[in-house]
Amino acid sequence: MARKVIIAGNWKMNKTAAEGKALVEELKPLVAGVTAADIVVCPPFTTLGAVIEAAKGSNIKVGAQNVHWEKSGAFTGEISADMLVEAGVEYVIIGHSERRQYFGETDETVNKRVKAAIAAGLKVIMCVGETLEERESNKTQAVLDAQLEGGLAGISAADAEGIVIAYEPVWAIGTGKTATPDVAEETQAGIRAKLAALYSKEVAENIRIQYGGSMKADNAEALVSKKDIDGGLIGGAALKAGSFAELIANGIKGAQSK
């Protein structure tokens, strides 16, 4: 498989600067020498500086959890793409289900953020996913299609190839429920088919699609062994160095078995 595994830890609203620095210092020797996967950690805004400093010289990349679409202005509490770039951030998560659920994120605002991030040179992790009600109503593919169409509107094929799509079944985030590898694969194959329809089969084959619903060390290998699962967007399992490093190793094993 040409697509490189990408494992990104979304710390959500966890870890002070001191705690984040300690976590990265503990993680570094556990993943030193890993080249078969891109490793990303995404701490809260106030923890970014300490984590970026701690990660210097290592194979750990740093991402933010959100970004505003304007370069500057009267947007109290927001952070621009240029601010993130200056801080040393490389990746940014956009459209996470919690942003959609609690903070009014829409496909339109996801699209504006994606465009701003790309223009600033950030690497985007764009999240899509359905609720339990939508899945049980057989609306999963329609929901994902709409999110992909909206989020990627006006994004060129060249830029789309650099975006990571994170599929998050909302019903499996923080619940302990996980889509089975077969269910996750079927859904992510549908995402890739939609990407092929939006761009081309070749472009779709180059785009990495993560699974983001309660992936842990013990199921990472089985999930990433599937054709259309290229890694994970990790929540709770990314908050401890040992479990995150084990998950990364198992994810790589899964990719190597394809």
C-alpha atoms as a PDB file:
ATOM      1  CA  MET A   1       0.000   0.000   0.000  1.00  0.00           C
ATOM      2  CA  ALA A   2       1.331   3.406  -0.970  1.00  0.00           C
ATOM      3  CA  ARG A   3      -0.544   5.280   1.765  1.00  0.00           C
ATOM      4  CA  LYS A   4       1.489   5.820   4.923  1.00  0.00           C
ATOM      5  CA  VAL A   5      -0.160   5.111   8.260  1.00  0.00           C
ATOM      6  CA  ILE A   6      -1.062   8.212  10.257  1.00  0.00           C
ATOM      7  CA  ILE A   7      -1.862   7.989  13.971  1.00  0.00           C
ATOM      8  CA  ALA A   8      -2.976  11.265  15.544  1.00  0.00           C
ATOM      9  CA  GLY A   9      -3.747  11.746  19.213  1.00  0.00           C
ATOM     10  CA  ASN A  10      -6.536  14.227  19.917  1.00  0.00           C
ATOM     11  CA  TRP A  11      -6.003  15.215  23.538  1.00  0.00           C
ATOM     12  CA  LYS A  12      -9.263  17.224  23.592  1.00  0.00           C
ATOM     13  CA  MET A  13      -9.497  19.406  26.754  1.00  0.00           C
ATOM     14  CA  ASN A  14      -6.852  17.456  28.636  1.00  0.00           C
ATOM     15  CA  LYS A  15      -3.255  18.119  29.763  1.00  0.00           C
ATOM     16  CA  THR A  16      -1.774  21.357  31.058  1.00  0.00           C
ATOM     17  CA  ALA A  17       1.477  22.556  29.515  1.00  0.00           C
ATOM     18  CA  ALA A  18       3.511  20.741  32.172  1.00  0.00           C
ATOM     19  CA  GLU A  19       1.498  17.546  31.765  1.00  0.00           C
ATOM     20  CA  GLY A  20       1.710  17.715  27.982  1.00  0.00           C
ATOM     21  CA  LYS A  21       5.468  18.187  28.060  1.00  0.00           C
ATOM     22  CA  ALA A  22       5.816  15.204  30.400  1.00  0.00           C
ATOM     23  CA  LEU A  23       3.674  13.028  28.117  1.00  0.00           C
ATOM     24  CA  VAL A  24       5.747  13.856  25.040  1.00  0.00           C
ATOM     25  CA  GLU A  25       9.020  13.296  26.930  1.00  0.00           C
ATOM     26  CA  GLU A  26       7.737   9.861  27.955  1.00  0.00           C
ATOM     27  CA  LEU A  27       6.481   9.078  24.445  1.00  0.00           C
ATOM     28  CA  LYS A  28       9.643  10.065  22.547  1.00  0.00           C
ATOM     29  CA  PRO A  29      11.840   7.072  23.454  1.00  0.00           C
ATOM     30  CA  LEU A  30       8.910   4.678  22.943  1.00  0.00           C
ATOM     31  CA  VAL A  31       8.443   5.739  19.296  1.00  0.00           C
ATOM     32  CA  ALA A  32      12.019   6.712  18.455  1.00  0.00           C
ATOM     33  CA  GLY A  33      13.024   5.246  15.120  1.00  0.00           C
ATOM     34  CA  VAL A  34       9.449   4.680  13.943  1.00  0.00           C
ATOM     35  CA  THR A  35       9.347   5.646  10.274  1.00  0.00           C
ATOM     36  CA  ALA A  36       6.441   3.539   9.004  1.00  0.00           C
ATOM     37  CA  ALA A  37       3.820   5.885  10.481  1.00  0.00           C
ATOM     38  CA  ASP A  38       3.270   9.607  10.805  1.00  0.00           C
ATOM     39  CA  ILE A  39       2.801  10.325  14.525  1.00  0.00           C
ATOM     40  CA  VAL A  40       0.840  13.431  15.533  1.00  0.00           C
ATOM     41  CA  VAL A  41      -0.265  14.806  18.903  1.00  0.00           C
ATOM     42  CA  CYS A  42      -2.937  17.512  19.137  1.00  0.00           C
ATOM     43  CA  PRO A  43      -2.963  19.247  22.535  1.00  0.00           C
ATOM     44  CA  PRO A  44      -5.120  22.181  23.675  1.00  0.00           C
ATOM     45  CA  PHE A  45      -4.038  25.641  22.493  1.00  0.00           C
ATOM     46  CA  THR A  46      -2.382  26.613  25.800  1.00  0.00           C
ATOM     47  CA  THR A  47      -0.325  23.415  25.781  1.00  0.00           C
ATOM     48  CA  LEU A  48       0.918  23.730  22.186  1.00  0.00           C
ATOM     49  CA  GLY A  49       4.066  25.730  22.977  1.00  0.00           C
ATOM     50  CA  ALA A  50       5.371  23.298  25.587  1.00  0.00           C
ATOM     51  CA  VAL A  51       4.587  20.272  23.418  1.00  0.00           C
ATOM     52  CA  ILE A  52       6.178  21.758  20.300  1.00  0.00           C
ATOM     53  CA  GLU A  53       9.344  22.477  22.294  1.00  0.00           C
ATOM     54  CA  ALA A  54       9.371  18.972  23.785  1.00  0.00           C
ATOM     55  CA  ALA A  55       8.828  17.334  20.379  1.00  0.00           C
ATOM     56  CA  LYS A  56      11.687  19.183  18.644  1.00  0.00           C
ATOM     57  CA  GLY A  57      14.146  16.842  16.981  1.00  0.00           C
ATOM     58  CA  SER A  58      11.811  13.859  17.317  1.00  0.00           C
ATOM     59  CA  ASN A  59       9.502  12.082  14.884  1.00  0.00           C
ATOM     60  CA  ILE A  60       6.429  13.435  16.699  1.00  0.00           C
ATOM     61  CA  LYS A  61       4.488  16.113  14.825  1.00  0.00           C
ATOM     62  CA  VAL A  62       2.172  18.576  16.541  1.00  0.00           C
ATOM     63  CA  GLY A  63      -1.340  19.581  15.550  1.00  0.00           C
ATOM     64  CA  ALA A  64      -4.025  21.943  16.842  1.00  0.00           C
ATOM     65  CA  GLN A  65      -7.637  20.984  17.534  1.00  0.00           C
ATOM     66  CA  ASN A  66      -9.278  23.862  15.663  1.00  0.00           C
ATOM     67  CA  VAL A  67      -8.555  26.995  13.620  1.00  0.00           C
ATOM     68  CA  HIS A  68     -10.543  30.076  12.573  1.00  0.00           C
ATOM     69  CA  TRP A  69     -11.046  30.944   8.915  1.00  0.00           C
ATOM     70  CA  GLU A  70     -10.137  34.642   9.177  1.00  0.00           C
ATOM     71  CA  LYS A  71      -6.548  35.851   9.378  1.00  0.00           C
ATOM     72  CA  SER A  72      -7.367  38.346  12.152  1.00  0.00           C
ATOM     73  CA  GLY A  73     -10.216  40.372  13.555  1.00  0.00           C
ATOM     74  CA  ALA A  74     -12.875  40.641  16.240  1.00  0.00           C
ATOM     75  CA  PHE A  75     -13.249  36.921  16.951  1.00  0.00           C
ATOM     76  CA  THR A  76     -12.792  36.631  20.694  1.00  0.00           C
ATOM     77  CA  GLY A  77     -11.359  33.294  21.763  1.00  0.00           C
ATOM     78  CA  GLU A  78     -10.347  32.208  18.262  1.00  0.00           C
ATOM     79  CA  ILE A  79      -6.928  31.357  16.777  1.00  0.00           C
ATOM     80  CA  SER A  80      -5.871  31.956  13.160  1.00  0.00           C
ATOM     81  CA  ALA A  81      -3.933  29.644  10.873  1.00  0.00           C
ATOM     82  CA  ASP A  82      -0.997  32.067  10.736  1.00  0.00           C
ATOM     83  CA  MET A  83      -0.806  32.066  14.533  1.00  0.00           C
ATOM     84  CA  LEU A  84      -0.625  28.267  14.521  1.00  0.00           C
ATOM     85  CA  VAL A  85       2.059  28.218  11.833  1.00  0.00           C
ATOM     86  CA  GLU A  86       4.175  30.758  13.716  1.00  0.00           C
ATOM     87  CA  ALA A  87       3.868  28.634  16.855  1.00  0.00           C
ATOM     88  CA  GLY A  88       5.291  25.640  14.982  1.00  0.00           C
ATOM     89  CA  VAL A  89       2.084  23.677  14.429  1.00  0.00           C
ATOM     90  CA  GLU A  90       2.040  21.342  11.391  1.00  0.00           C
ATOM     91  CA  TYR A  91      -1.423  19.729  11.492  1.00  0.00           C
ATOM     92  CA  VAL A  92      -4.912  20.890  12.451  1.00  0.00           C
ATOM     93  CA  ILE A  93      -8.099  18.948  13.203  1.00  0.00           C
ATOM     94  CA  ILE A  94     -11.174  20.509  11.589  1.00  0.00           C
ATOM     95  CA  GLY A  95     -14.840  19.592  11.975  1.00  0.00           C
ATOM     96  CA  HIS A  96     -14.546  17.206  14.901  1.00  0.00           C
ATOM     97  CA  SER A  97     -17.948  15.865  15.921  1.00  0.00           C
ATOM     98  CA  GLU A  98     -17.682  17.635  19.287  1.00  0.00           C
ATOM     99  CA  ARG A  99     -17.173  20.948  17.469  1.00  0.00           C
ATOM    100  CA  ARG A 100     -20.224  20.170  15.350  1.00  0.00           C
ATOM    101  CA  GLN A 101     -22.320  19.028  18.311  1.00  0.00           C
ATOM    102  CA  TYR A 102     -21.446  21.618  20.961  1.00  0.00           C
ATOM    103  CA  PHE A 103     -20.094  24.646  19.107  1.00  0.00           C
ATOM    104  CA  GLY A 104     -22.239  25.040  16.002  1.00  0.00           C
ATOM    105  CA  GLU A 105     -19.743  23.804  13.425  1.00  0.00           C
ATOM    106  CA  THR A 106     -21.341  23.264  10.011  1.00  0.00           C
ATOM    107  CA  ASP A 107     -20.127  21.871   6.696  1.00  0.00           C
ATOM    108  CA  GLU A 108     -19.841  25.480   5.499  1.00  0.00           C
ATOM    109  CA  THR A 109     -17.633  26.595   8.395  1.00  0.00           C
ATOM    110  CA  VAL A 110     -15.590  23.391   8.106  1.00  0.00           C
ATOM    111  CA  ASN A 111     -14.963  24.307   4.470  1.00  0.00           C
ATOM    112  CA  LYS A 112     -13.893  27.854   5.353  1.00  0.00           C
ATOM    113  CA  ARG A 113     -11.498  26.563   8.003  1.00  0.00           C
ATOM    114  CA  VAL A 114     -10.052  23.936   5.637  1.00  0.00           C
ATOM    115  CA  LYS A 115      -9.366  26.594   2.995  1.00  0.00           C
ATOM    116  CA  ALA A 116      -7.710  28.916   5.521  1.00  0.00           C
ATOM    117  CA  ALA A 117      -5.558  26.114   6.911  1.00  0.00           C
ATOM    118  CA  ILE A 118      -4.407  24.986   3.464  1.00  0.00           C
ATOM    119  CA  ALA A 119      -3.632  28.580   2.437  1.00  0.00           C
ATOM    120  CA  ALA A 120      -1.388  28.914   5.502  1.00  0.00           C
ATOM    121  CA  GLY A 121       0.424  25.636   4.769  1.00  0.00           C
ATOM    122  CA  LEU A 122      -1.142  23.526   7.520  1.00  0.00           C
ATOM    123  CA  LYS A 123      -1.953  19.843   7.013  1.00  0.00           C
ATOM    124  CA  VAL A 124      -5.649  19.245   7.562  1.00  0.00           C
ATOM    125  CA  ILE A 125      -7.357  16.357   9.365  1.00  0.00           C
ATOM    126  CA  MET A 126     -11.007  16.802   8.344  1.00  0.00           C
ATOM    127  CA  CYS A 127     -13.560  14.854  10.372  1.00  0.00           C
ATOM    128  CA  VAL A 128     -16.782  13.313   9.121  1.00  0.00           C
ATOM    129  CA  GLY A 129     -19.189  10.920  10.801  1.00  0.00           C
ATOM    130  CA  GLU A 130     -22.759   9.920  11.516  1.00  0.00           C
ATOM    131  CA  THR A 131     -24.811   9.676  14.700  1.00  0.00           C
ATOM    132  CA  LEU A 132     -26.343   6.451  15.965  1.00  0.00           C
ATOM    133  CA  GLU A 133     -29.793   7.643  14.824  1.00  0.00           C
ATOM    134  CA  GLU A 134     -28.465   8.324  11.329  1.00  0.00           C
ATOM    135  CA  ARG A 135     -26.807   4.909  11.122  1.00  0.00           C
ATOM    136  CA  GLU A 136     -29.900   3.096  12.350  1.00  0.00           C
ATOM    137  CA  SER A 137     -31.966   5.008   9.765  1.00  0.00           C
ATOM    138  CA  ASN A 138     -29.613   3.826   6.988  1.00  0.00           C
ATOM    139  CA  LYS A 139     -28.505   7.423   6.333  1.00  0.00           C
ATOM    140  CA  THR A 140     -24.783   6.885   6.944  1.00  0.00           C
ATOM    141  CA  GLN A 141     -23.603   7.209   3.337  1.00  0.00           C
ATOM    142  CA  ALA A 142     -25.882  10.188   2.627  1.00  0.00           C
ATOM    143  CA  VAL A 143     -24.619  11.996   5.742  1.00  0.00           C
ATOM    144  CA  LEU A 144     -20.976  11.313   4.882  1.00  0.00           C
ATOM    145  CA  ASP A 145     -21.488  12.320   1.255  1.00  0.00           C
ATOM    146  CA  ALA A 146     -22.976  15.658   2.334  1.00  0.00           C
ATOM    147  CA  GLN A 147     -20.152  16.307   4.808  1.00  0.00           C
ATOM    148  CA  LEU A 148     -17.510  15.496   2.188  1.00  0.00           C
ATOM    149  CA  GLU A 149     -19.189  17.623  -0.484  1.00  0.00           C
ATOM    150  CA  GLY A 150     -19.589  20.552   1.895  1.00  0.00           C
ATOM    151  CA  GLY A 151     -16.210  20.327   3.573  1.00  0.00           C
ATOM    152  CA  LEU A 152     -14.270  19.916   0.329  1.00  0.00           C
ATOM    153  CA  ALA A 153     -16.225  22.432  -1.780  1.00  0.00           C
ATOM    154  CA  GLY A 154     -13.823  24.432  -3.922  1.00  0.00           C
ATOM    155  CA  ILE A 155     -10.790  22.398  -2.796  1.00  0.00           C
ATOM    156  CA  SER A 156      -8.558  21.394  -5.707  1.00  0.00           C
ATOM    157  CA  ALA A 157      -7.564  17.799  -6.356  1.00  0.00           C
ATOM    158  CA  ALA A 158      -3.937  18.646  -5.533  1.00  0.00           C
ATOM    159  CA  ASP A 159      -4.922  20.123  -2.169  1.00  0.00           C
ATOM    160  CA  ALA A 160      -7.399  17.323  -1.453  1.00  0.00           C
ATOM    161  CA  GLU A 161      -4.644  14.715  -1.785  1.00  0.00           C
ATOM    162  CA  GLY A 162      -2.883  16.302   1.180  1.00  0.00           C
ATOM    163  CA  ILE A 163      -5.958  16.238   3.426  1.00  0.00           C
ATOM    164  CA  VAL A 164      -6.459  13.412   5.913  1.00  0.00           C
ATOM    165  CA  ILE A 165     -10.101  12.385   6.312  1.00  0.00           C
ATOM    166  CA  ALA A 166     -10.981  11.134   9.789  1.00  0.00           C
ATOM    167  CA  TYR A 167     -14.100   8.975   9.885  1.00  0.00           C
ATOM    168  CA  GLU A 168     -15.653   9.235  13.332  1.00  0.00           C
ATOM    169  CA  PRO A 169     -18.816   7.289  13.965  1.00  0.00           C
ATOM    170  CA  VAL A 170     -20.233   9.688  16.551  1.00  0.00           C
ATOM    171  CA  TRP A 171     -21.855   6.771  18.377  1.00  0.00           C
ATOM    172  CA  ALA A 172     -18.414   5.230  18.978  1.00  0.00           C
ATOM    173  CA  ILE A 173     -16.551   8.258  20.363  1.00  0.00           C
ATOM    174  CA  GLY A 174     -15.777   7.944  24.050  1.00  0.00           C
ATOM    175  CA  THR A 175     -18.508   5.340  24.469  1.00  0.00           C
ATOM    176  CA  GLY A 176     -16.314   2.273  24.381  1.00  0.00           C
ATOM    177  CA  LYS A 177     -18.310   1.105  21.378  1.00  0.00           C
ATOM    178  CA  THR A 178     -16.247   0.502  18.268  1.00  0.00           C
ATOM    179  CA  ALA A 179     -17.325  -0.214  14.751  1.00  0.00           C
ATOM    180  CA  THR A 180     -16.130  -3.705  13.888  1.00  0.00           C
ATOM    181  CA  PRO A 181     -13.229  -3.737  11.427  1.00  0.00           C
ATOM    182  CA  ASP A 182     -15.630  -4.909   8.713  1.00  0.00           C
ATOM    183  CA  VAL A 183     -18.189  -2.170   9.419  1.00  0.00           C
ATOM    184  CA  ALA A 184     -15.462   0.483   9.591  1.00  0.00           C
ATOM    185  CA  GLU A 185     -13.961  -0.786   6.326  1.00  0.00           C
ATOM    186  CA  GLU A 186     -17.306  -0.818   4.541  1.00  0.00           C
ATOM    187  CA  THR A 187     -17.999   2.754   5.632  1.00  0.00           C
ATOM    188  CA  GLN A 188     -14.519   4.024   4.778  1.00  0.00           C
ATOM    189  CA  ALA A 189     -14.684   2.333   1.388  1.00  0.00           C
ATOM    190  CA  GLY A 190     -17.853   4.371   0.854  1.00  0.00           C
ATOM    191  CA  ILE A 191     -15.950   7.523   1.793  1.00  0.00           C
ATOM    192  CA  ARG A 192     -13.222   6.670  -0.718  1.00  0.00           C
ATOM    193  CA  ALA A 193     -15.853   6.019  -3.393  1.00  0.00           C
ATOM    194  CA  LYS A 194     -17.313   9.478  -2.750  1.00  0.00           C
ATOM    195  CA  LEU A 195     -13.835  11.029  -2.958  1.00  0.00           C
ATOM    196  CA  ALA A 196     -13.378   9.272  -6.315  1.00  0.00           C
ATOM    197  CA  ALA A 197     -16.676  10.755  -7.494  1.00  0.00           C
ATOM    198  CA  LEU A 198     -15.650  14.240  -6.324  1.00  0.00           C
ATOM    199  CA  TYR A 199     -12.168  14.038  -7.838  1.00  0.00           C
ATOM    200  CA  SER A 200     -10.914  10.824  -9.462  1.00  0.00           C
ATOM    201  CA  LYS A 201     -10.121   7.277  -8.450  1.00  0.00           C
ATOM    202  CA  GLU A 202      -6.406   8.097  -8.504  1.00  0.00           C
ATOM    203  CA  VAL A 203      -6.840  11.087  -6.181  1.00  0.00           C
ATOM    204  CA  ALA A 204      -9.097   9.058  -3.870  1.00  0.00           C
ATOM    205  CA  GLU A 205      -6.482   6.299  -3.643  1.00  0.00           C
ATOM    206  CA  ASN A 206      -3.906   8.854  -2.470  1.00  0.00           C
ATOM    207  CA  ILE A 207      -6.056  10.342   0.314  1.00  0.00           C
ATOM    208  CA  ARG A 208      -5.522   8.854   3.762  1.00  0.00           C
ATOM    209  CA  ILE A 209      -8.639   7.980   5.760  1.00  0.00           C
ATOM    210  CA  GLN A 210      -8.336   7.454   9.507  1.00  0.00           C
ATOM    211  CA  TYR A 211     -10.758   5.638  11.785  1.00  0.00           C
ATOM    212  CA  GLY A 212     -11.737   7.696  14.818  1.00  0.00           C
ATOM    213  CA  GLY A 213     -14.076   5.791  17.079  1.00  0.00           C
ATOM    214  CA  SER A 214     -12.559   4.274  20.232  1.00  0.00           C
ATOM    215  CA  MET A 215      -9.477   2.798  18.547  1.00  0.00           C
ATOM    216  CA  LYS A 216      -7.216   1.265  21.178  1.00  0.00           C
ATOM    217  CA  ALA A 217      -4.016  -0.770  21.255  1.00  0.00           C
ATOM    218  CA  ASP A 218      -5.945  -4.041  21.227  1.00  0.00           C
ATOM    219  CA  ASN A 219      -8.013  -3.309  18.110  1.00  0.00           C
ATOM    220  CA  ALA A 220      -5.639  -1.079  16.120  1.00  0.00           C
ATOM    221  CA  GLU A 221      -4.021  -3.940  14.190  1.00  0.00           C
ATOM    222  CA  ALA A 222      -7.337  -5.426  13.060  1.00  0.00           C
ATOM    223  CA  LEU A 223      -8.699  -2.028  12.022  1.00  0.00           C
ATOM    224  CA  VAL A 224      -5.632  -0.773  10.147  1.00  0.00           C
ATOM    225  CA  SER A 225      -5.260  -4.126   8.378  1.00  0.00           C
ATOM    226  CA  LYS A 226      -8.329  -3.188   6.335  1.00  0.00           C
ATOM    227  CA  LYS A 227      -7.783  -1.809   2.841  1.00  0.00           C
ATOM    228  CA  ASP A 228      -9.338   1.619   3.361  1.00  0.00           C
ATOM    229  CA  ILE A 229      -8.262   2.296   6.963  1.00  0.00           C
ATOM    230  CA  ASP A 230      -4.987   4.225   7.002  1.00  0.00           C
ATOM    231  CA  GLY A 231      -4.601   4.931  10.700  1.00  0.00           C
ATOM    232  CA  GLY A 232      -6.517   6.427  13.575  1.00  0.00           C
ATOM    233  CA  LEU A 233      -7.620   9.647  15.242  1.00  0.00           C
ATOM    234  CA  ILE A 234      -7.192   8.629  18.857  1.00  0.00           C
ATOM    235  CA  GLY A 235      -8.859  10.071  21.950  1.00  0.00           C
ATOM    236  CA  GLY A 236      -8.439   8.492  25.379  1.00  0.00           C
ATOM    237  CA  ALA A 237      -5.763   5.997  24.314  1.00  0.00           C
ATOM    238  CA  ALA A 238      -3.506   8.903  23.314  1.00  0.00           C
ATOM    239  CA  LEU A 239      -3.383  10.353  26.827  1.00  0.00           C
ATOM    240  CA  LYS A 240      -0.919   7.761  28.131  1.00  0.00           C
ATOM    241  CA  ALA A 241       2.432   7.290  26.437  1.00  0.00           C
ATOM    242  CA  GLY A 242       2.525   3.503  26.821  1.00  0.00           C
ATOM    243  CA  SER A 243      -0.912   2.814  25.364  1.00  0.00           C
ATOM    244  CA  PHE A 244      -0.378   5.306  22.524  1.00  0.00           C
ATOM    245  CA  ALA A 245       3.004   3.805  21.585  1.00  0.00           C
ATOM    246  CA  GLU A 246       1.533   0.293  21.667  1.00  0.00           C
ATOM    247  CA  LEU A 247      -1.377   1.422  19.500  1.00  0.00           C
ATOM    248  CA  ILE A 248       1.044   2.939  16.963  1.00  0.00           C
ATOM    249  CA  ALA A 249       3.083  -0.275  16.817  1.00  0.00           C
ATOM    250  CA  ASN A 250      -0.029  -2.395  16.353  1.00  0.00           C
ATOM    251  CA  GLY A 251      -1.375  -0.048  13.694  1.00  0.00           C
ATOM    252  CA  ILE A 252       1.851  -0.425  11.744  1.00  0.00           C
ATOM    253  CA  LYS A 253       1.570  -4.226  12.033  1.00  0.00           C
ATOM    254  CA  GLY A 254      -1.921  -4.015  10.614  1.00  0.00           C
ATOM    255  CA  ALA A 255      -0.757  -1.929   7.666  1.00  0.00           C
ATOM    256  CA  GLN A 256       2.083  -4.303   6.955  1.00  0.00           C
ATOM    257  CA  SER A 257      -0.360  -7.234   6.735  1.00  0.00           C
ATOM    258  CA  LYS A 258      -2.349  -5.665   3.883  1.00  0.00           C
END
